[in-house]
C-alpha atoms as a PDB file:
ATOM      1  CA  MET A   1      -3.540  -4.808 -15.059  1.00  0.00           C
ATOM      2  CA  ARG A   2      -7.278  -5.134 -14.465  1.00  0.00           C
ATOM      3  CA  LEU A   3      -8.208  -4.867 -10.780  1.00  0.00           C
ATOM      4  CA  LEU A   4      -4.671  -3.656  -9.891  1.00  0.00           C
ATOM      5  CA  GLU A   5      -4.948  -0.088 -11.224  1.00  0.00           C
ATOM      6  CA  THR A   6      -6.069   2.902  -9.192  1.00  0.00           C
ATOM      7  CA  ASP A   7      -7.249   6.415 -10.060  1.00  0.00           C
ATOM      8  CA  GLN A   8      -4.334   7.933  -8.125  1.00  0.00           C
ATOM      9  CA  ALA A   9      -1.020   6.437  -7.087  1.00  0.00           C
ATOM     10  CA  LEU A  10       0.778   6.928  -3.796  1.00  0.00           C
ATOM     11  CA  ILE A  11       3.918   8.841  -4.841  1.00  0.00           C
ATOM     12  CA  LEU A  12       7.102   8.365  -2.810  1.00  0.00           C
ATOM     13  CA  PRO A  13      10.653   9.673  -3.352  1.00  0.00           C
ATOM     14  CA  VAL A  14      13.456   7.185  -3.970  1.00  0.00           C
ATOM     15  CA  GLY A  15      16.008   6.902  -1.152  1.00  0.00           C
ATOM     16  CA  VAL A  16      13.842   8.652   1.463  1.00  0.00           C
ATOM     17  CA  LYS A  17      12.452   6.791   4.468  1.00  0.00           C
ATOM     18  CA  SER A  18       8.637   6.840   4.616  1.00  0.00           C
ATOM     19  CA  THR A  19       6.566   5.809   7.616  1.00  0.00           C
ATOM     20  CA  PHE A  20       3.110   4.281   7.193  1.00  0.00           C
ATOM     21  CA  TYR A  21       0.521   4.300   9.971  1.00  0.00           C
ATOM     22  CA  ILE A  22      -1.963   1.601   9.025  1.00  0.00           C
ATOM     23  CA  THR A  23      -5.388   1.095  10.566  1.00  0.00           C
ATOM     24  CA  SER A  24      -8.979   0.402   9.514  1.00  0.00           C
ATOM     25  CA  ASN A  25     -12.335   1.883  10.380  1.00  0.00           C
ATOM     26  CA  ASP A  26     -14.552  -1.091   9.511  1.00  0.00           C
ATOM     27  CA  VAL A  27     -13.128  -4.644   9.256  1.00  0.00           C
ATOM     28  CA  ASN A  28      -9.724  -6.330   9.176  1.00  0.00           C
ATOM     29  CA  HIS A  29      -7.712  -5.597   6.032  1.00  0.00           C
ATOM     30  CA  SER A  30      -4.135  -6.433   5.064  1.00  0.00           C
ATOM     31  CA  TRP A  31      -2.171  -3.753   3.189  1.00  0.00           C
ATOM     32  CA  ALA A  32       0.200  -5.657   0.889  1.00  0.00           C
ATOM     33  CA  LEU A  33       2.912  -4.533  -1.547  1.00  0.00           C
ATOM     34  CA  PRO A  34       4.639  -7.780  -2.591  1.00  0.00           C
ATOM     35  CA  SER A  35       7.426  -6.013  -4.535  1.00  0.00           C
ATOM     36  CA  PHE A  36       8.512  -4.284  -1.313  1.00  0.00           C
ATOM     37  CA  GLY A  37       8.033  -7.350   0.869  1.00  0.00           C
ATOM     38  CA  ILE A  38       5.308  -5.590   2.855  1.00  0.00           C
ATOM     39  CA  LYS A  39       2.143  -7.081   4.279  1.00  0.00           C
ATOM     40  CA  VAL A  40       0.707  -5.229   7.280  1.00  0.00           C
ATOM     41  CA  ASP A  41      -2.644  -5.887   8.922  1.00  0.00           C
ATOM     42  CA  ALA A  42      -5.097  -2.993   9.200  1.00  0.00           C
ATOM     43  CA  ILE A  43      -7.215  -3.672  12.282  1.00  0.00           C
ATOM     44  CA  PRO A  44      -9.936  -1.401  13.719  1.00  0.00           C
ATOM     45  CA  GLY A  45      -8.783   0.276  16.948  1.00  0.00           C
ATOM     46  CA  ARG A  46      -5.110  -0.563  16.372  1.00  0.00           C
ATOM     47  CA  VAL A  47      -2.344   1.338  14.539  1.00  0.00           C
ATOM     48  CA  ASN A  48       0.449  -0.684  12.935  1.00  0.00           C
ATOM     49  CA  ILE A  49       3.588   1.149  11.807  1.00  0.00           C
ATOM     50  CA  LYS A  50       5.816   0.196   8.877  1.00  0.00           C
ATOM     51  CA  GLU A  51       8.851   2.100   7.569  1.00  0.00           C
ATOM     52  CA  ILE A  52      10.312   1.672   4.078  1.00  0.00           C
ATOM     53  CA  THR A  53      13.085   3.291   2.061  1.00  0.00           C
ATOM     54  CA  PRO A  54      12.424   2.720  -1.662  1.00  0.00           C
ATOM     55  CA  THR A  55      15.529   2.011  -3.763  1.00  0.00           C
ATOM     56  CA  THR A  56      14.014   1.331  -7.203  1.00  0.00           C
ATOM     57  CA  LEU A  57      12.153   3.736  -9.488  1.00  0.00           C
ATOM     58  CA  GLY A  58       8.871   2.682 -11.092  1.00  0.00           C
ATOM     59  CA  PHE A  59       5.251   1.716 -10.548  1.00  0.00           C
ATOM     60  CA  PHE A  60       4.351  -1.060  -8.128  1.00  0.00           C
ATOM     61  CA  SER A  61       0.992  -2.745  -7.472  1.00  0.00           C
ATOM     62  CA  GLY A  62      -0.471  -4.196  -4.328  1.00  0.00           C
ATOM     63  CA  MET A  63      -3.809  -5.196  -2.905  1.00  0.00           C
ATOM     64  CA  CYS A  64      -5.793  -6.005   0.192  1.00  0.00           C
ATOM     65  CA  SER A  65      -4.707  -9.524   1.149  1.00  0.00           C
ATOM     66  CA  GLU A  66      -7.411 -10.196   3.718  1.00  0.00           C
ATOM     67  CA  LEU A  67     -10.822 -11.577   2.791  1.00  0.00           C
ATOM     68  CA  CYS A  68     -12.568  -8.536   4.212  1.00  0.00           C
ATOM     69  CA  GLY A  69     -15.955  -8.604   2.500  1.00  0.00           C
ATOM     70  CA  VAL A  70     -17.801  -8.511  -0.807  1.00  0.00           C
ATOM     71  CA  GLU A  71     -15.672  -5.662  -2.247  1.00  0.00           C
ATOM     72  CA  HIS A  72     -12.374  -7.378  -1.345  1.00  0.00           C
ATOM     73  CA  GLY A  73     -11.407  -7.887  -5.005  1.00  0.00           C
ATOM     74  CA  PHE A  74     -11.662  -4.136  -5.687  1.00  0.00           C
ATOM     75  CA  MET A  75      -9.071  -2.782  -3.229  1.00  0.00           C
ATOM     76  CA  PRO A  76      -5.932  -2.211  -5.307  1.00  0.00           C
ATOM     77  CA  ILE A  77      -2.849  -0.212  -4.262  1.00  0.00           C
ATOM     78  CA  THR A  78      -0.569   1.607  -6.703  1.00  0.00           C
ATOM     79  CA  VAL A  79       2.750   3.152  -5.632  1.00  0.00           C
ATOM     80  CA  GLN A  80       5.008   5.281  -7.831  1.00  0.00           C
ATOM     81  CA  ILE A  81       8.633   5.728  -6.788  1.00  0.00           C
ATOM     82  CA  THR A  82      10.110   8.869  -8.336  1.00  0.00           C
ATOM     83  CA  THR A  83      13.189  11.093  -8.047  1.00  0.00           C
ATOM     84  CA  TYR A  84      11.275  14.342  -7.572  1.00  0.00           C
ATOM     85  CA  PHE A  85       7.857  15.837  -6.775  1.00  0.00           C
ATOM     86  CA  ASP A  86       5.970  18.175  -9.127  1.00  0.00           C
END
């Protein structure tokens, strides 16, 4: 899973609605989690909102889907869907 792993995963509970407020502080990005059918633009000065309710347990990978600069290939996203929080 080279280039799709992160140091820390976003941990979300299964069956609970989560709201994401997505923006950027430098250039246009696109926050994408293909397994959830999500692709939301992150644009400086604008806040986009996306709500999801995960239904499947596991680890899911995503990435920046906008050609945003030289470090574009090193912007992975990891989400863990779990039944409880430690």
